PDB file of all heavy atoms in Angstrom:
ATOM      1  N   GLY A   1      -8.868-124.502 -26.335  1.00  0.00           N
ATOM      2  CA  GLY A   1      -8.626-123.435 -25.444  1.00  0.00           C
ATOM      3  C   GLY A   1      -9.046-122.015 -26.026  1.00  0.00           C
ATOM      4  O   GLY A   1      -8.688-121.004 -25.404  1.00  0.00           O
ATOM      5  N   VAL A   2      -9.612-122.028 -27.186  1.00  0.00           N
ATOM      6  CA  VAL A   2     -10.118-120.740 -27.721  1.00  0.00           C
ATOM      7  C   VAL A   2     -11.258-120.252 -26.983  1.00  0.00           C
ATOM      8  O   VAL A   2     -12.183-121.048 -26.616  1.00  0.00           O
ATOM      9  CB  VAL A   2     -10.412-120.908 -29.263  1.00  0.00           C
ATOM     10  CG1 VAL A   2     -10.979-119.593 -29.843  1.00  0.00           C
ATOM     11  CG2 VAL A   2      -9.207-121.349 -30.057  1.00  0.00           C
ATOM     12  N   GLN A   3     -11.287-119.010 -26.609  1.00  0.00           N
ATOM     13  CA  GLN A   3     -12.350-118.354 -25.837  1.00  0.00           C
ATOM     14  C   GLN A   3     -13.455-117.788 -26.822  1.00  0.00           C
ATOM     15  O   GLN A   3     -13.113-117.361 -27.868  1.00  0.00           O
ATOM     16  CB  GLN A   3     -11.851-117.256 -24.958  1.00  0.00           C
ATOM     17  CG  GLN A   3     -10.590-117.570 -24.186  1.00  0.00           C
ATOM     18  CD  GLN A   3     -11.049-118.286 -22.824  1.00  0.00           C
ATOM     19  OE1 GLN A   3     -11.915-117.831 -22.135  1.00  0.00           O
ATOM     20  NE2 GLN A   3     -10.358-119.385 -22.507  1.00  0.00           N
ATOM     21  N   PHE A   4     -14.636-117.744 -26.399  1.00  0.00           N
ATOM     22  CA  PHE A   4     -15.768-117.182 -27.136  1.00  0.00           C
ATOM     23  C   PHE A   4     -16.332-115.959 -26.450  1.00  0.00           C
ATOM     24  O   PHE A   4     -16.485-116.011 -25.229  1.00  0.00           O
ATOM     25  CB  PHE A   4     -16.872-118.196 -27.412  1.00  0.00           C
ATOM     26  CG  PHE A   4     -16.421-119.438 -28.126  1.00  0.00           C
ATOM     27  CD1 PHE A   4     -17.140-120.673 -28.013  1.00  0.00           C
ATOM     28  CD2 PHE A   4     -15.331-119.446 -28.975  1.00  0.00           C
ATOM     29  CE1 PHE A   4     -16.740-121.787 -28.596  1.00  0.00           C
ATOM     30  CE2 PHE A   4     -14.931-120.602 -29.625  1.00  0.00           C
ATOM     31  CZ  PHE A   4     -15.664-121.754 -29.493  1.00  0.00           C
ATOM     32  N   ALA A   5     -16.650-114.922 -27.218  1.00  0.00           N
ATOM     33  CA  ALA A   5     -17.426-113.786 -26.788  1.00  0.00           C
ATOM     34  C   ALA A   5     -18.467-113.392 -27.819  1.00  0.00           C
ATOM     35  O   ALA A   5     -18.236-113.639 -28.951  1.00  0.00           O
ATOM     36  CB  ALA A   5     -16.477-112.652 -26.421  1.00  0.00           C
ATOM     37  N   PHE A   6     -19.523-112.803 -27.357  1.00  0.00           N
ATOM     38  CA  PHE A   6     -20.683-112.459 -28.273  1.00  0.00           C
ATOM     39  C   PHE A   6     -21.053-111.020 -28.070  1.00  0.00           C
ATOM     40  O   PHE A   6     -21.311-110.551 -26.968  1.00  0.00           O
ATOM     41  CB  PHE A   6     -21.836-113.375 -28.011  1.00  0.00           C
ATOM     42  CG  PHE A   6     -21.610-114.799 -28.313  1.00  0.00           C
ATOM     43  CD1 PHE A   6     -21.013-115.611 -27.335  1.00  0.00           C
ATOM     44  CD2 PHE A   6     -21.778-115.304 -29.605  1.00  0.00           C
ATOM     45  CE1 PHE A   6     -20.789-116.974 -27.666  1.00  0.00           C
ATOM     46  CE2 PHE A   6     -21.539-116.661 -29.901  1.00  0.00           C
ATOM     47  CZ  PHE A   6     -21.015-117.497 -28.871  1.00  0.00           C
ATOM     48  N   ILE A   7     -21.135-110.264 -29.185  1.00  0.00           N
ATOM     49  CA  ILE A   7     -21.711-108.930 -29.281  1.00  0.00           C
ATOM     50  C   ILE A   7     -22.960-109.018 -30.059  1.00  0.00           C
ATOM     51  O   ILE A   7     -23.215-110.044 -30.739  1.00  0.00           O
ATOM     52  CB  ILE A   7     -20.722-107.902 -29.695  1.00  0.00           C
ATOM     53  CG1 ILE A   7     -20.276-108.120 -31.213  1.00  0.00           C
ATOM     54  CG2 ILE A   7     -19.486-107.763 -28.860  1.00  0.00           C
ATOM     55  CD1 ILE A   7     -21.124-107.582 -32.295  1.00  0.00           C
ATOM     56  N   THR A   8     -23.730-107.962 -30.077  1.00  0.00           N
ATOM     57  CA  THR A   8     -24.949-107.924 -30.978  1.00  0.00           C
ATOM     58  C   THR A   8     -24.813-106.619 -31.812  1.00  0.00           C
ATOM     59  O   THR A   8     -24.726-105.549 -31.262  1.00  0.00           O
ATOM     60  CB  THR A   8     -26.195-107.906 -30.131  1.00  0.00           C
ATOM     61  OG1 THR A   8     -26.286-109.067 -29.292  1.00  0.00           O
ATOM     62  CG2 THR A   8     -27.460-107.828 -31.051  1.00  0.00           C
ATOM     63  N   LEU A   9     -24.900-106.815 -33.093  1.00  0.00           N
ATOM     64  CA  LEU A   9     -25.065-105.641 -34.032  1.00  0.00           C
ATOM     65  C   LEU A   9     -26.106-106.069 -35.078  1.00  0.00           C
ATOM     66  O   LEU A   9     -25.814-106.998 -35.836  1.00  0.00           O
ATOM     67  CB  LEU A   9     -23.751-105.218 -34.618  1.00  0.00           C
ATOM     68  CG  LEU A   9     -23.790-103.859 -35.463  1.00  0.00           C
ATOM     69  CD1 LEU A   9     -22.631-103.001 -35.366  1.00  0.00           C
ATOM     70  CD2 LEU A   9     -24.190-104.181 -36.943  1.00  0.00           C
ATOM     71  N   HIS A  10     -27.209-105.367 -35.151  1.00  0.00           N
ATOM     72  CA  HIS A  10     -28.264-105.691 -36.071  1.00  0.00           C
ATOM     73  C   HIS A  10     -27.920-105.053 -37.435  1.00  0.00           C
ATOM     74  O   HIS A  10     -27.937-103.834 -37.583  1.00  0.00           O
ATOM     75  CB  HIS A  10     -29.567-105.213 -35.533  1.00  0.00           C
ATOM     76  CG  HIS A  10     -30.080-105.922 -34.361  1.00  0.00           C
ATOM     77  ND1 HIS A  10     -29.863-107.292 -34.142  1.00  0.00           N
ATOM     78  CD2 HIS A  10     -30.690-105.465 -33.231  1.00  0.00           C
ATOM     79  CE1 HIS A  10     -30.398-107.635 -33.064  1.00  0.00           C
ATOM     80  NE2 HIS A  10     -30.931-106.573 -32.401  1.00  0.00           N
ATOM     81  N   VAL A  11     -27.669-105.912 -38.422  1.00  0.00           N
ATOM     82  CA  VAL A  11     -27.211-105.451 -39.736  1.00  0.00           C
ATOM     83  C   VAL A  11     -28.419-104.749 -40.435  1.00  0.00           C
ATOM     84  O   VAL A  11     -29.508-105.301 -40.507  1.00  0.00           O
ATOM     85  CB  VAL A  11     -26.782-106.671 -40.555  1.00  0.00           C
ATOM     86  CG1 VAL A  11     -26.275-106.262 -41.923  1.00  0.00           C
ATOM     87  CG2 VAL A  11     -25.743-107.528 -39.810  1.00  0.00           C
ATOM     88  N   GLY A  12     -28.161-103.609 -40.900  1.00  0.00           N
ATOM     89  CA  GLY A  12     -29.267-102.816 -41.500  1.00  0.00           C
ATOM     90  C   GLY A  12     -29.089-102.384 -42.922  1.00  0.00           C
ATOM     91  O   GLY A  12     -28.541-103.045 -43.747  1.00  0.00           O
ATOM     92  N   LEU A  13     -29.526-101.195 -43.180  1.00  0.00           N
ATOM     93  CA  LEU A  13     -29.678-100.614 -44.557  1.00  0.00           C
ATOM     94  C   LEU A  13     -28.394-100.628 -45.356  1.00  0.00           C
ATOM     95  O   LEU A  13     -28.463-100.973 -46.542  1.00  0.00           O
ATOM     96  CB  LEU A  13     -30.265 -99.220 -44.478  1.00  0.00           C
ATOM     97  CG  LEU A  13     -30.497 -98.453 -45.838  1.00  0.00           C
ATOM     98  CD1 LEU A  13     -31.494 -99.255 -46.690  1.00  0.00           C
ATOM     99  CD2 LEU A  13     -30.970 -97.086 -45.523  1.00  0.00           C
ATOM    100  N   ASP A  14     -27.301-100.305 -44.827  1.00  0.00           N
ATOM    101  CA  ASP A  14     -26.157-100.102 -45.660  1.00  0.00           C
ATOM    102  C   ASP A  14     -25.577-101.341 -46.248  1.00  0.00           C
ATOM    103  O   ASP A  14     -24.763-101.283 -47.092  1.00  0.00           O
ATOM    104  CB  ASP A  14     -25.003 -99.406 -44.815  1.00  0.00           C
ATOM    105  CG  ASP A  14     -25.066 -97.893 -45.007  1.00  0.00           C
ATOM    106  OD1 ASP A  14     -25.681 -97.395 -45.872  1.00  0.00           O
ATOM    107  OD2 ASP A  14     -24.362 -97.212 -44.200  1.00  0.00           O
ATOM    108  N   THR A  15     -26.104-102.530 -45.783  1.00  0.00           N
ATOM    109  CA  THR A  15     -25.722-103.764 -46.501  1.00  0.00           C
ATOM    110  C   THR A  15     -26.090-103.736 -47.933  1.00  0.00           C
ATOM    111  O   THR A  15     -25.590-104.329 -48.805  1.00  0.00           O
ATOM    112  CB  THR A  15     -26.332-104.964 -45.692  1.00  0.00           C
ATOM    113  OG1 THR A  15     -25.759-105.072 -44.376  1.00  0.00           O
ATOM    114  CG2 THR A  15     -26.140-106.308 -46.496  1.00  0.00           C
ATOM    115  N   PHE A  16     -27.275-102.972 -48.201  1.00  0.00           N
ATOM    116  CA  PHE A  16     -27.862-103.051 -49.531  1.00  0.00           C
ATOM    117  C   PHE A  16     -27.465-101.748 -50.340  1.00  0.00           C
ATOM    118  O   PHE A  16     -27.883-101.594 -51.463  1.00  0.00           O
ATOM    119  CB  PHE A  16     -29.360-103.005 -49.421  1.00  0.00           C
ATOM    120  CG  PHE A  16     -29.837-104.312 -48.725  1.00  0.00           C
ATOM    121  CD1 PHE A  16     -30.129-104.320 -47.361  1.00  0.00           C
ATOM    122  CD2 PHE A  16     -30.003-105.484 -49.356  1.00  0.00           C
ATOM    123  CE1 PHE A  16     -30.635-105.395 -46.713  1.00  0.00           C
ATOM    124  CE2 PHE A  16     -30.492-106.589 -48.755  1.00  0.00           C
ATOM    125  CZ  PHE A  16     -30.681-106.584 -47.430  1.00  0.00           C
ATOM    126  N   LEU A  17     -26.733-100.828 -49.757  1.00  0.00           N
ATOM    127  CA  LEU A  17     -26.391 -99.563 -50.429  1.00  0.00           C
ATOM    128  C   LEU A  17     -24.889 -99.470 -50.835  1.00  0.00           C
ATOM    129  O   LEU A  17     -24.066 -99.577 -50.005  1.00  0.00           O
ATOM    130  CB  LEU A  17     -26.724 -98.451 -49.589  1.00  0.00           C
ATOM    131  CG  LEU A  17     -28.267 -98.236 -49.263  1.00  0.00           C
ATOM    132  CD1 LEU A  17     -28.424 -96.965 -48.347  1.00  0.00           C
ATOM    133  CD2 LEU A  17     -29.010 -98.005 -50.609  1.00  0.00           C
ATOM    134  N   PRO A  18     -24.593 -99.287 -52.062  1.00  0.00           N
ATOM    135  CA  PRO A  18     -23.200 -99.075 -52.488  1.00  0.00           C
ATOM    136  C   PRO A  18     -22.802 -97.637 -52.196  1.00  0.00           C
ATOM    137  O   PRO A  18     -23.631 -96.828 -51.867  1.00  0.00           O
ATOM    138  CB  PRO A  18     -23.263 -99.199 -54.069  1.00  0.00           C
ATOM    139  CG  PRO A  18     -24.701 -98.862 -54.437  1.00  0.00           C
ATOM    140  CD  PRO A  18     -25.527 -99.280 -53.291  1.00  0.00           C
ATOM    141  N   VAL A  19     -21.557 -97.405 -52.089  1.00  0.00           N
ATOM    142  CA  VAL A  19     -21.006 -96.071 -51.987  1.00  0.00           C
ATOM    143  C   VAL A  19     -21.069 -95.386 -53.326  1.00  0.00           C
ATOM    144  O   VAL A  19     -20.472 -95.754 -54.274  1.00  0.00           O
ATOM    145  CB  VAL A  19     -19.518 -96.115 -51.483  1.00  0.00           C
ATOM    146  CG1 VAL A  19     -19.053 -94.701 -51.321  1.00  0.00           C
ATOM    147  CG2 VAL A  19     -19.483 -96.863 -50.142  1.00  0.00           C
ATOM    148  N   ARG A  20     -21.858 -94.268 -53.335  1.00  0.00           N
ATOM    149  CA  ARG A  20     -22.156 -93.608 -54.591  1.00  0.00           C
ATOM    150  C   ARG A  20     -21.417 -92.300 -54.720  1.00  0.00           C
ATOM    151  O   ARG A  20     -21.340 -91.696 -55.742  1.00  0.00           O
ATOM    152  CB  ARG A  20     -23.648 -93.231 -54.743  1.00  0.00           C
ATOM    153  CG  ARG A  20     -24.488 -94.572 -54.687  1.00  0.00           C
ATOM    154  CD  ARG A  20     -25.928 -94.282 -55.074  1.00  0.00           C
ATOM    155  NE  ARG A  20     -26.797 -95.439 -54.972  1.00  0.00           N
ATOM    156  CZ  ARG A  20     -26.939 -96.434 -55.923  1.00  0.00           C
ATOM    157  NH1 ARG A  20     -26.191 -96.276 -57.018  1.00  0.00           N
ATOM    158  NH2 ARG A  20     -27.695 -97.465 -55.780  1.00  0.00           N
ATOM    159  N   VAL A  21     -20.752 -91.836 -53.640  1.00  0.00           N
ATOM    160  CA  VAL A  21     -19.999 -90.560 -53.658  1.00  0.00           C
ATOM    161  C   VAL A  21     -18.518 -90.873 -54.067  1.00  0.00           C
ATOM    162  O   VAL A  21     -18.075 -91.950 -53.830  1.00  0.00           O
ATOM    163  CB  VAL A  21     -20.050 -89.885 -52.282  1.00  0.00           C
ATOM    164  CG1 VAL A  21     -21.514 -89.303 -52.070  1.00  0.00           C
ATOM    165  CG2 VAL A  21     -19.643 -90.683 -51.172  1.00  0.00           C
ATOM    166  N   GLU A  22     -17.905 -89.863 -54.625  1.00  0.00           N
ATOM    167  CA  GLU A  22     -16.543 -90.025 -55.112  1.00  0.00           C
ATOM    168  C   GLU A  22     -15.576 -90.175 -53.878  1.00  0.00           C
ATOM    169  O   GLU A  22     -14.643 -91.011 -53.864  1.00  0.00           O
ATOM    170  CB  GLU A  22     -16.105 -88.909 -55.926  1.00  0.00           C
ATOM    171  CG  GLU A  22     -16.679 -88.866 -57.340  1.00  0.00           C
ATOM    172  CD  GLU A  22     -16.195 -87.848 -58.186  1.00  0.00           C
ATOM    173  OE1 GLU A  22     -15.089 -87.239 -57.833  1.00  0.00           O
ATOM    174  OE2 GLU A  22     -16.716 -87.561 -59.369  1.00  0.00           O
ATOM    175  N   ASP A  23     -15.868 -89.411 -52.777  1.00  0.00           N
ATOM    176  CA  ASP A  23     -15.064 -89.486 -51.654  1.00  0.00           C
ATOM    177  C   ASP A  23     -15.749 -90.383 -50.540  1.00  0.00           C
ATOM    178  O   ASP A  23     -16.774 -89.892 -50.056  1.00  0.00           O
ATOM    179  CB  ASP A  23     -14.801 -88.090 -51.116  1.00  0.00           C
ATOM    180  CG  ASP A  23     -13.918 -88.035 -49.872  1.00  0.00           C
ATOM    181  OD1 ASP A  23     -13.618 -89.075 -49.291  1.00  0.00           O
ATOM    182  OD2 ASP A  23     -13.451 -86.893 -49.469  1.00  0.00           O
ATOM    183  N   PRO A  24     -15.256 -91.474 -50.176  1.00  0.00           N
ATOM    184  CA  PRO A  24     -16.019 -92.378 -49.305  1.00  0.00           C
ATOM    185  C   PRO A  24     -16.171 -91.786 -47.956  1.00  0.00           C
ATOM    186  O   PRO A  24     -17.090 -92.153 -47.175  1.00  0.00           O
ATOM    187  CB  PRO A  24     -15.168 -93.617 -49.202  1.00  0.00           C
ATOM    188  CG  PRO A  24     -13.771 -93.288 -49.664  1.00  0.00           C
ATOM    189  CD  PRO A  24     -14.055 -92.085 -50.675  1.00  0.00           C
ATOM    190  N   ARG A  25     -15.384 -90.735 -47.579  1.00  0.00           N
ATOM    191  CA  ARG A  25     -15.589 -90.076 -46.265  1.00  0.00           C
ATOM    192  C   ARG A  25     -16.908 -89.275 -46.264  1.00  0.00           C
ATOM    193  O   ARG A  25     -17.360 -88.940 -45.132  1.00  0.00           O
ATOM    194  CB  ARG A  25     -14.437 -89.201 -46.035  1.00  0.00           C
ATOM    195  CG  ARG A  25     -13.155 -89.939 -45.726  1.00  0.00           C
ATOM    196  CD  ARG A  25     -11.854 -89.000 -45.825  1.00  0.00           C
ATOM    197  NE  ARG A  25     -11.606 -88.583 -47.207  1.00  0.00           N
ATOM    198  CZ  ARG A  25     -10.507 -88.038 -47.611  1.00  0.00           C
ATOM    199  NH1 ARG A  25      -9.520 -87.861 -46.753  1.00  0.00           N
ATOM    200  NH2 ARG A  25     -10.383 -87.579 -48.804  1.00  0.00           N
ATOM    201  N   GLN A  26     -17.497 -89.069 -47.425  1.00  0.00           N
ATOM    202  CA  GLN A  26     -18.799 -88.413 -47.398  1.00  0.00           C
ATOM    203  C   GLN A  26     -19.973 -89.328 -47.496  1.00  0.00           C
ATOM    204  O   GLN A  26     -21.105 -88.890 -47.560  1.00  0.00           O
ATOM    205  CB  GLN A  26     -18.791 -87.408 -48.673  1.00  0.00           C
ATOM    206  CG  GLN A  26     -17.609 -86.472 -48.691  1.00  0.00           C
ATOM    207  CD  GLN A  26     -17.601 -85.576 -47.484  1.00  0.00           C
ATOM    208  OE1 GLN A  26     -18.605 -85.019 -47.047  1.00  0.00           O
ATOM    209  NE2 GLN A  26     -16.434 -85.398 -46.944  1.00  0.00           N
ATOM    210  N   HIS A  27     -19.701 -90.598 -47.428  1.00  0.00           N
ATOM    211  CA  HIS A  27     -20.832 -91.570 -47.556  1.00  0.00           C
ATOM    212  C   HIS A  27     -21.617 -91.516 -46.179  1.00  0.00           C
ATOM    213  O   HIS A  27     -21.058 -91.690 -45.150  1.00  0.00           O
ATOM    214  CB  HIS A  27     -20.247 -92.979 -47.694  1.00  0.00           C
ATOM    215  CG  HIS A  27     -21.230 -94.098 -47.681  1.00  0.00           C
ATOM    216  ND1 HIS A  27     -22.187 -94.290 -48.686  1.00  0.00           N
ATOM    217  CD2 HIS A  27     -21.460 -95.104 -46.740  1.00  0.00           C
ATOM    218  CE1 HIS A  27     -22.917 -95.346 -48.426  1.00  0.00           C
ATOM    219  NE2 HIS A  27     -22.536 -95.812 -47.263  1.00  0.00           N
ATOM    220  N   PRO A  28     -22.931 -91.465 -46.321  1.00  0.00           N
ATOM    221  CA  PRO A  28     -23.769 -91.365 -45.142  1.00  0.00           C
ATOM    222  C   PRO A  28     -24.089 -92.716 -44.623  1.00  0.00           C
ATOM    223  O   PRO A  28     -24.949 -93.471 -45.252  1.00  0.00           O
ATOM    224  CB  PRO A  28     -25.021 -90.718 -45.667  1.00  0.00           C
ATOM    225  CG  PRO A  28     -25.118 -91.086 -47.107  1.00  0.00           C
ATOM    226  CD  PRO A  28     -23.718 -91.179 -47.581  1.00  0.00           C
ATOM    227  N   MET A  29     -23.419 -93.151 -43.501  1.00  0.00           N
ATOM    228  CA  MET A  29     -23.724 -94.447 -42.974  1.00  0.00           C
ATOM    229  C   MET A  29     -25.071 -94.490 -42.171  1.00  0.00           C
ATOM    230  O   MET A  29     -25.217 -93.488 -41.402  1.00  0.00           O
ATOM    231  CB  MET A  29     -22.571 -94.829 -42.018  1.00  0.00           C
ATOM    232  CG  MET A  29     -21.301 -95.251 -42.624  1.00  0.00           C
ATOM    233  SD  MET A  29     -21.380 -96.866 -43.533  1.00  0.00           S
ATOM    234  CE  MET A  29     -21.328 -97.966 -42.188  1.00  0.00           C
ATOM    235  N   HIS A  30     -25.803 -95.512 -42.351  1.00  0.00           N
ATOM    236  CA  HIS A  30     -27.039 -95.696 -41.670  1.00  0.00           C
ATOM    237  C   HIS A  30     -26.723 -96.232 -40.267  1.00  0.00           C
ATOM    238  O   HIS A  30     -25.884 -97.109 -40.162  1.00  0.00           O
ATOM    239  CB  HIS A  30     -27.957 -96.592 -42.422  1.00  0.00           C
ATOM    240  CG  HIS A  30     -29.441 -96.680 -41.945  1.00  0.00           C
ATOM    241  ND1 HIS A  30     -30.279 -95.592 -42.106  1.00  0.00           N
ATOM    242  CD2 HIS A  30     -30.096 -97.558 -41.233  1.00  0.00           C
ATOM    243  CE1 HIS A  30     -31.458 -95.918 -41.575  1.00  0.00           C
ATOM    244  NE2 HIS A  30     -31.359 -97.027 -41.098  1.00  0.00           N
ATOM    245  N   SER A  31     -27.463 -95.755 -39.288  1.00  0.00           N
ATOM    246  CA  SER A  31     -27.144 -96.222 -37.890  1.00  0.00           C
ATOM    247  C   SER A  31     -27.746 -97.660 -37.709  1.00  0.00           C
ATOM    248  O   SER A  31     -28.730 -98.015 -38.261  1.00  0.00           O
ATOM    249  CB  SER A  31     -27.820 -95.258 -36.799  1.00  0.00           C
ATOM    250  OG  SER A  31     -27.284 -94.002 -36.940  1.00  0.00           O
ATOM    251  N   GLU A  32     -26.945 -98.429 -36.922  1.00  0.00           N
ATOM    252  CA  GLU A  32     -27.280 -99.826 -36.625  1.00  0.00           C
ATOM    253  C   GLU A  32     -27.224-100.001 -35.185  1.00  0.00           C
ATOM    254  O   GLU A  32     -26.337 -99.464 -34.447  1.00  0.00           O
ATOM    255  CB  GLU A  32     -26.452-100.783 -37.396  1.00  0.00           C
ATOM    256  CG  GLU A  32     -26.514-100.743 -38.854  1.00  0.00           C
ATOM    257  CD  GLU A  32     -25.485-101.495 -39.553  1.00  0.00           C
ATOM    258  OE1 GLU A  32     -24.219-101.396 -39.191  1.00  0.00           O
ATOM    259  OE2 GLU A  32     -25.795-102.302 -40.510  1.00  0.00           O
ATOM    260  N   TYR A  33     -28.211-100.779 -34.631  1.00  0.00           N
ATOM    261  CA  TYR A  33     -28.189-100.910 -33.112  1.00  0.00           C
ATOM    262  C   TYR A  33     -27.123-101.967 -32.749  1.00  0.00           C
ATOM    263  O   TYR A  33     -26.897-102.996 -33.347  1.00  0.00           O
ATOM    264  CB  TYR A  33     -29.564-101.458 -32.699  1.00  0.00           C
ATOM    265  CG  TYR A  33     -29.629-101.607 -31.115  1.00  0.00           C
ATOM    266  CD1 TYR A  33     -29.824-100.466 -30.355  1.00  0.00           C
ATOM    267  CD2 TYR A  33     -29.479-102.864 -30.525  1.00  0.00           C
ATOM    268  CE1 TYR A  33     -29.881-100.607 -29.015  1.00  0.00           C
ATOM    269  CE2 TYR A  33     -29.606-102.941 -29.197  1.00  0.00           C
ATOM    270  CZ  TYR A  33     -29.750-101.895 -28.383  1.00  0.00           C
ATOM    271  OH  TYR A  33     -29.763-101.929 -27.017  1.00  0.00           O
ATOM    272  N   CYS A  34     -26.526-101.604 -31.620  1.00  0.00           N
ATOM    273  CA  CYS A  34     -25.314-102.430 -31.177  1.00  0.00           C
ATOM    274  C   CYS A  34     -25.280-102.595 -29.637  1.00  0.00           C
ATOM    275  O   CYS A  34     -25.623-101.659 -28.886  1.00  0.00           O
ATOM    276  CB  CYS A  34     -24.019-101.702 -31.666  1.00  0.00           C
ATOM    277  SG  CYS A  34     -22.477-102.317 -31.102  1.00  0.00           S
ATOM    278  N   GLU A  35     -24.824-103.735 -29.190  1.00  0.00           N
ATOM    279  CA  GLU A  35     -24.650-104.000 -27.812  1.00  0.00           C
ATOM    280  C   GLU A  35     -23.269-104.729 -27.570  1.00  0.00           C
ATOM    281  O   GLU A  35     -22.998-105.717 -28.095  1.00  0.00           O
ATOM    282  CB  GLU A  35     -25.759-104.814 -27.174  1.00  0.00           C
ATOM    283  CG  GLU A  35     -27.010-104.080 -27.054  1.00  0.00           C
ATOM    284  CD  GLU A  35     -28.070-104.933 -26.264  1.00  0.00           C
ATOM    285  OE1 GLU A  35     -27.654-105.969 -25.634  1.00  0.00           O
ATOM    286  OE2 GLU A  35     -29.296-104.535 -26.229  1.00  0.00           O
TER     287      GLU A  35
END
C-alpha cells in the first residue's frame, strides 16, 4: 500500500564540487533543472 510519485531533477555540476568557502552560506550553488 505504499504510494509512488516521481519528480525530475537533473543532477549537475555541484555533485563534483566541494564547499571551499569557510561559511557554507556563501557557497555558489549551480542551478539544476527540476520538474
